[in-house]
PDB file of N, CA and C in Angstrom:
ATOM      1  N   PRO A   1     -38.113  21.754 -19.553  1.00  0.00           N
ATOM      2  CA  PRO A   1     -36.746  21.410 -19.893  1.00  0.00           C
ATOM      3  C   PRO A   1     -36.699  20.142 -20.742  1.00  0.00           C
ATOM      4  N   LEU A   2     -35.701  20.068 -21.568  1.00  0.00           N
ATOM      5  CA  LEU A   2     -35.521  18.910 -22.429  1.00  0.00           C
ATOM      6  C   LEU A   2     -34.868  17.762 -21.674  1.00  0.00           C
ATOM      7  N   THR A   3     -35.324  16.553 -21.960  1.00  0.00           N
ATOM      8  CA  THR A   3     -34.710  15.364 -21.387  1.00  0.00           C
ATOM      9  C   THR A   3     -33.614  14.904 -22.330  1.00  0.00           C
ATOM     10  N   PRO A   4     -32.392  14.720 -21.836  1.00  0.00           N
ATOM     11  CA  PRO A   4     -31.313  14.328 -22.743  1.00  0.00           C
ATOM     12  C   PRO A   4     -31.500  12.907 -23.265  1.00  0.00           C
ATOM     13  N   MET A   5     -31.045  12.691 -24.474  1.00  0.00           N
ATOM     14  CA  MET A   5     -31.018  11.355 -25.056  1.00  0.00           C
ATOM     15  C   MET A   5     -29.706  10.723 -24.627  1.00  0.00           C
ATOM     16  N   CYS A   6     -29.771   9.699 -23.835  1.00  0.00           N
ATOM     17  CA  CYS A   6     -28.570   9.066 -23.302  1.00  0.00           C
ATOM     18  C   CYS A   6     -28.177   7.884 -24.186  1.00  0.00           C
ATOM     19  N   THR A   7     -26.887   7.650 -24.264  1.00  0.00           N
ATOM     20  CA  THR A   7     -26.357   6.557 -25.076  1.00  0.00           C
ATOM     21  C   THR A   7     -25.509   5.634 -24.210  1.00  0.00           C
ATOM     22  N   ASP A   8     -25.003   4.611 -24.807  1.00  0.00           N
ATOM     23  CA  ASP A   8     -24.088   3.670 -24.159  1.00  0.00           C
ATOM     24  C   ASP A   8     -24.680   3.042 -22.904  1.00  0.00           C
ATOM     25  N   GLY A   9     -25.986   2.759 -22.899  1.00  0.00           N
ATOM     26  CA  GLY A   9     -26.616   2.094 -21.772  1.00  0.00           C
ATOM     27  C   GLY A   9     -26.862   2.978 -20.566  1.00  0.00           C
ATOM     28  N   ARG A  10     -26.641   4.280 -20.708  1.00  0.00           N
ATOM     29  CA  ARG A  10     -26.890   5.185 -19.586  1.00  0.00           C
ATOM     30  C   ARG A  10     -28.352   5.584 -19.560  1.00  0.00           C
ATOM     31  N   ALA A  11     -28.818   6.033 -18.399  1.00  0.00           N
ATOM     32  CA  ALA A  11     -30.210   6.434 -18.218  1.00  0.00           C
ATOM     33  C   ALA A  11     -30.282   7.921 -17.910  1.00  0.00           C
ATOM     34  N   SER A  12     -31.413   8.515 -18.215  1.00  0.00           N
ATOM     35  CA  SER A  12     -31.636   9.924 -17.914  1.00  0.00           C
ATOM     36  C   SER A  12     -32.300  10.033 -16.549  1.00  0.00           C
ATOM     37  N   CYS A  13     -31.586  10.611 -15.591  1.00  0.00           N
ATOM     38  CA  CYS A  13     -32.107  10.826 -14.240  1.00  0.00           C
ATOM     39  C   CYS A  13     -31.932  12.292 -13.892  1.00  0.00           C
ATOM     40  N   ASP A  14     -33.007  12.946 -13.551  1.00  0.00           N
ATOM     41  CA  ASP A  14     -32.966  14.364 -13.190  1.00  0.00           C
ATOM     42  C   ASP A  14     -32.315  15.207 -14.279  1.00  0.00           C
ATOM     43  N   GLY A  15     -32.552  14.844 -15.544  1.00  0.00           N
ATOM     44  CA  GLY A  15     -32.013  15.611 -16.661  1.00  0.00           C
ATOM     45  C   GLY A  15     -30.530  15.388 -16.913  1.00  0.00           C
ATOM     46  N   GLU A  16     -29.976  14.338 -16.343  1.00  0.00           N
ATOM     47  CA  GLU A  16     -28.552  14.037 -16.478  1.00  0.00           C
ATOM     48  C   GLU A  16     -28.400  12.579 -16.900  1.00  0.00           C
ATOM     49  N   CYS A  17     -27.462  12.292 -17.788  1.00  0.00           N
ATOM     50  CA  CYS A  17     -27.197  10.912 -18.188  1.00  0.00           C
ATOM     51  C   CYS A  17     -26.282  10.263 -17.146  1.00  0.00           C
ATOM     52  N   VAL A  18     -26.734   9.146 -16.590  1.00  0.00           N
ATOM     53  CA  VAL A  18     -25.963   8.464 -15.542  1.00  0.00           C
ATOM     54  C   VAL A  18     -25.850   6.980 -15.859  1.00  0.00           C
ATOM     55  N   THR A  19     -24.860   6.355 -15.278  1.00  0.00           N
ATOM     56  CA  THR A  19     -24.664   4.916 -15.399  1.00  0.00           C
ATOM     57  C   THR A  19     -25.217   4.269 -14.139  1.00  0.00           C
ATOM     58  N   LEU A  20     -26.346   3.597 -14.249  1.00  0.00           N
ATOM     59  CA  LEU A  20     -27.041   3.047 -13.087  1.00  0.00           C
ATOM     60  C   LEU A  20     -26.250   1.954 -12.375  1.00  0.00           C
ATOM     61  N   THR A  21     -25.262   1.387 -13.031  1.00  0.00           N
ATOM     62  CA  THR A  21     -24.477   0.327 -12.401  1.00  0.00           C
ATOM     63  C   THR A  21     -23.383   0.872 -11.488  1.00  0.00           C
ATOM     64  N   HIS A  22     -23.077   2.188 -11.583  1.00  0.00           N
ATOM     65  CA  HIS A  22     -21.960   2.733 -10.814  1.00  0.00           C
ATOM     66  C   HIS A  22     -22.220   4.100 -10.178  1.00  0.00           C
ATOM     67  N   ASP A  23     -23.395   4.664 -10.314  1.00  0.00           N
ATOM     68  CA  ASP A  23     -23.672   6.005  -9.806  1.00  0.00           C
ATOM     69  C   ASP A  23     -24.262   5.928  -8.393  1.00  0.00           C
ATOM     70  N   GLU A  24     -23.557   6.468  -7.396  1.00  0.00           N
ATOM     71  CA  GLU A  24     -24.006   6.381  -6.006  1.00  0.00           C
ATOM     72  C   GLU A  24     -25.329   7.102  -5.748  1.00  0.00           C
ATOM     73  N   ASP A  25     -25.692   8.085  -6.579  1.00  0.00           N
ATOM     74  CA  ASP A  25     -26.954   8.802  -6.408  1.00  0.00           C
ATOM     75  C   ASP A  25     -28.118   8.115  -7.120  1.00  0.00           C
ATOM     76  N   HIS A  26     -27.805   7.251  -8.083  1.00  0.00           N
ATOM     77  CA  HIS A  26     -28.818   6.560  -8.882  1.00  0.00           C
ATOM     78  C   HIS A  26     -28.357   5.113  -9.101  1.00  0.00           C
ATOM     79  N   CYS A  27     -28.279   4.345  -8.048  1.00  0.00           N
ATOM     80  CA  CYS A  27     -27.722   2.996  -8.105  1.00  0.00           C
ATOM     81  C   CYS A  27     -28.813   1.976  -8.433  1.00  0.00           C
ATOM     82  N   GLY A  28     -28.803   1.491  -9.657  1.00  0.00           N
ATOM     83  CA  GLY A  28     -29.792   0.515 -10.095  1.00  0.00           C
ATOM     84  C   GLY A  28     -31.076   1.130 -10.604  1.00  0.00           C
ATOM     85  N   ALA A  29     -31.403   2.335 -10.146  1.00  0.00           N
ATOM     86  CA  ALA A  29     -32.614   3.048 -10.565  1.00  0.00           C
ATOM     87  C   ALA A  29     -32.448   4.534 -10.254  1.00  0.00           C
ATOM     88  N   CYS A  30     -33.118   5.354 -11.003  1.00  0.00           N
ATOM     89  CA  CYS A  30     -33.067   6.797 -10.759  1.00  0.00           C
ATOM     90  C   CYS A  30     -33.542   7.092  -9.336  1.00  0.00           C
ATOM     91  N   GLY A  31     -32.764   7.899  -8.620  1.00  0.00           N
ATOM     92  CA  GLY A  31     -33.135   8.326  -7.289  1.00  0.00           C
ATOM     93  C   GLY A  31     -32.795   7.343  -6.177  1.00  0.00           C
ATOM     94  N   ASN A  32     -32.258   6.184  -6.518  1.00  0.00           N
ATOM     95  CA  ASN A  32     -31.894   5.193  -5.499  1.00  0.00           C
ATOM     96  C   ASN A  32     -30.465   5.484  -5.036  1.00  0.00           C
ATOM     97  N   ALA A  33     -30.332   6.330  -4.017  1.00  0.00           N
ATOM     98  CA  ALA A  33     -29.012   6.746  -3.531  1.00  0.00           C
ATOM     99  C   ALA A  33     -28.471   5.752  -2.505  1.00  0.00           C
ATOM    100  N   CYS A  34     -27.174   5.500  -2.597  1.00  0.00           N
ATOM    101  CA  CYS A  34     -26.510   4.637  -1.615  1.00  0.00           C
ATOM    102  C   CYS A  34     -26.314   5.416  -0.320  1.00  0.00           C
ATOM    103  N   ALA A  35     -26.301   4.690   0.780  1.00  0.00           N
ATOM    104  CA  ALA A  35     -26.083   5.299   2.089  1.00  0.00           C
ATOM    105  C   ALA A  35     -24.635   5.750   2.220  1.00  0.00           C
ATOM    106  N   ASN A  36     -24.383   6.596   3.195  1.00  0.00           N
ATOM    107  CA  ASN A  36     -23.026   7.064   3.458  1.00  0.00           C
ATOM    108  C   ASN A  36     -22.123   5.857   3.738  1.00  0.00           C
ATOM    109  N   GLY A  37     -20.980   5.794   3.091  1.00  0.00           N
ATOM    110  CA  GLY A  37     -20.050   4.687   3.268  1.00  0.00           C
ATOM    111  C   GLY A  37     -20.269   3.541   2.307  1.00  0.00           C
ATOM    112  N   GLU A  38     -21.305   3.610   1.468  1.00  0.00           N
ATOM    113  CA  GLU A  38     -21.561   2.576   0.477  1.00  0.00           C
ATOM    114  C   GLU A  38     -21.163   3.068  -0.904  1.00  0.00           C
ATOM    115  N   PHE A  39     -20.934   2.131  -1.821  1.00  0.00           N
ATOM    116  CA  PHE A  39     -20.652   2.455  -3.203  1.00  0.00           C
ATOM    117  C   PHE A  39     -21.557   1.618  -4.090  1.00  0.00           C
ATOM    118  N   CYS A  40     -21.699   2.025  -5.331  1.00  0.00           N
ATOM    119  CA  CYS A  40     -22.573   1.342  -6.275  1.00  0.00           C
ATOM    120  C   CYS A  40     -21.732   0.437  -7.174  1.00  0.00           C
ATOM    121  N   CYS A  41     -22.028  -0.849  -7.139  1.00  0.00           N
ATOM    122  CA  CYS A  41     -21.329  -1.821  -7.975  1.00  0.00           C
ATOM    123  C   CYS A  41     -22.361  -2.759  -8.587  1.00  0.00           C
ATOM    124  N   ASP A  42     -22.430  -2.796  -9.908  1.00  0.00           N
ATOM    125  CA  ASP A  42     -23.414  -3.611 -10.623  1.00  0.00           C
ATOM    126  C   ASP A  42     -24.846  -3.258 -10.257  1.00  0.00           C
ATOM    127  N   GLY A  43     -25.097  -1.975  -9.962  1.00  0.00           N
ATOM    128  CA  GLY A  43     -26.446  -1.517  -9.680  1.00  0.00           C
ATOM    129  C   GLY A  43     -26.945  -1.843  -8.286  1.00  0.00           C
ATOM    130  N   VAL A  44     -26.035  -2.226  -7.388  1.00  0.00           N
ATOM    131  CA  VAL A  44     -26.402  -2.555  -6.007  1.00  0.00           C
ATOM    132  C   VAL A  44     -25.505  -1.754  -5.074  1.00  0.00           C
ATOM    133  N   CYS A  45     -26.089  -1.143  -4.056  1.00  0.00           N
ATOM    134  CA  CYS A  45     -25.296  -0.430  -3.059  1.00  0.00           C
ATOM    135  C   CYS A  45     -24.596  -1.455  -2.179  1.00  0.00           C
ATOM    136  N   ARG A  46     -23.293  -1.263  -2.016  1.00  0.00           N
ATOM    137  CA  ARG A  46     -22.493  -2.213  -1.240  1.00  0.00           C
ATOM    138  C   ARG A  46     -21.616  -1.453  -0.255  1.00  0.00           C
ATOM    139  N   ASN A  47     -21.323  -2.091   0.857  1.00  0.00           N
ATOM    140  CA  ASN A  47     -20.428  -1.517   1.839  1.00  0.00           C
ATOM    141  C   ASN A  47     -19.088  -2.212   1.687  1.00  0.00           C
ATOM    142  N   TRP A  48     -18.086  -1.493   1.212  1.00  0.00           N
ATOM    143  CA  TRP A  48     -16.785  -2.105   0.936  1.00  0.00           C
ATOM    144  C   TRP A  48     -16.059  -2.555   2.198  1.00  0.00           C
ATOM    145  N   ARG A  49     -16.577  -2.183   3.361  1.00  0.00           N
ATOM    146  CA  ARG A  49     -15.952  -2.614   4.619  1.00  0.00           C
ATOM    147  C   ARG A  49     -16.488  -3.953   5.116  1.00  0.00           C
ATOM    148  N   THR A  50     -17.667  -4.365   4.632  1.00  0.00           N
ATOM    149  CA  THR A  50     -18.275  -5.585   5.149  1.00  0.00           C
ATOM    150  C   THR A  50     -18.693  -6.583   4.070  1.00  0.00           C
ATOM    151  N   ASP A  51     -18.711  -6.195   2.820  1.00  0.00           N
ATOM    152  CA  ASP A  51     -19.182  -7.065   1.737  1.00  0.00           C
ATOM    153  C   ASP A  51     -18.086  -8.069   1.363  1.00  0.00           C
ATOM    154  N   ARG A  52     -18.312  -9.343   1.606  1.00  0.00           N
ATOM    155  CA  ARG A  52     -17.298 -10.381   1.348  1.00  0.00           C
ATOM    156  C   ARG A  52     -16.927 -10.488  -0.123  1.00  0.00           C
ATOM    157  N   ASN A  53     -17.818 -10.112  -1.029  1.00  0.00           N
ATOM    158  CA  ASN A  53     -17.529 -10.209  -2.461  1.00  0.00           C
ATOM    159  C   ASN A  53     -16.897  -8.947  -3.034  1.00  0.00           C
ATOM    160  N   HIS A  54     -16.908  -7.871  -2.285  1.00  0.00           N
ATOM    161  CA  HIS A  54     -16.370  -6.580  -2.734  1.00  0.00           C
ATOM    162  C   HIS A  54     -15.676  -5.919  -1.550  1.00  0.00           C
ATOM    163  N   CYS A  55     -14.693  -6.564  -0.998  1.00  0.00           N
ATOM    164  CA  CYS A  55     -14.033  -6.112   0.217  1.00  0.00           C
ATOM    165  C   CYS A  55     -12.905  -5.129  -0.124  1.00  0.00           C
ATOM    166  N   GLY A  56     -13.152  -3.856   0.137  1.00  0.00           N
ATOM    167  CA  GLY A  56     -12.161  -2.817  -0.146  1.00  0.00           C
ATOM    168  C   GLY A  56     -12.218  -2.295  -1.567  1.00  0.00           C
ATOM    169  N   LEU A  57     -12.577  -3.148  -2.504  1.00  0.00           N
ATOM    170  CA  LEU A  57     -12.674  -2.798  -3.927  1.00  0.00           C
ATOM    171  C   LEU A  57     -13.775  -3.630  -4.570  1.00  0.00           C
ATOM    172  N   CYS A  58     -14.255  -3.172  -5.714  1.00  0.00           N
ATOM    173  CA  CYS A  58     -15.211  -3.976  -6.472  1.00  0.00           C
ATOM    174  C   CYS A  58     -14.572  -5.298  -6.870  1.00  0.00           C
ATOM    175  N   PHE A  59     -15.316  -6.367  -6.696  1.00  0.00           N
ATOM    176  CA  PHE A  59     -14.942  -7.709  -7.126  1.00  0.00           C
ATOM    177  C   PHE A  59     -13.684  -8.251  -6.456  1.00  0.00           C
ATOM    178  N   GLN A  60     -13.317  -7.731  -5.302  1.00  0.00           N
ATOM    179  CA  GLN A  60     -12.212  -8.289  -4.524  1.00  0.00           C
ATOM    180  C   GLN A  60     -12.822  -9.124  -3.410  1.00  0.00           C
ATOM    181  N   ALA A  61     -12.971 -10.418  -3.683  1.00  0.00           N
ATOM    182  CA  ALA A  61     -13.656 -11.308  -2.755  1.00  0.00           C
ATOM    183  C   ALA A  61     -12.711 -11.826  -1.676  1.00  0.00           C
ATOM    184  N   CYS A  62     -13.278 -12.060  -0.520  1.00  0.00           N
ATOM    185  CA  CYS A  62     -12.533 -12.685   0.571  1.00  0.00           C
ATOM    186  C   CYS A  62     -12.374 -14.171   0.258  1.00  0.00           C
ATOM    187  N   ASP A  63     -11.279 -14.743   0.714  1.00  0.00           N
ATOM    188  CA  ASP A  63     -11.072 -16.187   0.575  1.00  0.00           C
ATOM    189  C   ASP A  63     -11.979 -16.917   1.555  1.00  0.00           C
ATOM    190  N   PHE A  64     -12.158 -18.208   1.333  1.00  0.00           N
ATOM    191  CA  PHE A  64     -12.979 -19.050   2.191  1.00  0.00           C
ATOM    192  C   PHE A  64     -12.480 -18.920   3.634  1.00  0.00           C
ATOM    193  N   GLY A  65     -13.386 -18.701   4.544  1.00  0.00           N
ATOM    194  CA  GLY A  65     -13.049 -18.588   5.951  1.00  0.00           C
ATOM    195  C   GLY A  65     -12.651 -17.187   6.390  1.00  0.00           C
ATOM    196  N   GLU A  66     -12.468 -16.276   5.440  1.00  0.00           N
ATOM    197  CA  GLU A  66     -12.127 -14.894   5.777  1.00  0.00           C
ATOM    198  C   GLU A  66     -13.395 -14.049   5.841  1.00  0.00           C
ATOM    199  N   ARG A  67     -13.313 -12.931   6.521  1.00  0.00           N
ATOM    200  CA  ARG A  67     -14.417 -11.990   6.511  1.00  0.00           C
ATOM    201  C   ARG A  67     -13.851 -10.601   6.229  1.00  0.00           C
ATOM    202  N   CYS A  68     -14.703  -9.742   5.751  1.00  0.00           N
ATOM    203  CA  CYS A  68     -14.294  -8.387   5.380  1.00  0.00           C
ATOM    204  C   CYS A  68     -14.469  -7.474   6.571  1.00  0.00           C
ATOM    205  N   GLU A  69     -13.392  -6.806   6.981  1.00  0.00           N
ATOM    206  CA  GLU A  69     -13.457  -5.880   8.109  1.00  0.00           C
ATOM    207  C   GLU A  69     -12.859  -4.553   7.692  1.00  0.00           C
TER     208      GLU A  69
END
């Protein structure tokens, strides 16, 4: 099978062009899947329920003294 030529900073993983910074099946690298309940933000799997810098949404940080629940 042919490997696709990917553009716009996307990578070819399993014959598909993906964005490694946001793809839950290929987060940061081909084949690096996020666990159930996690999402891919900036190439890192994050848990939006507990991540103080990405609480509920990408880049929604908790204020000082707060925690993400």
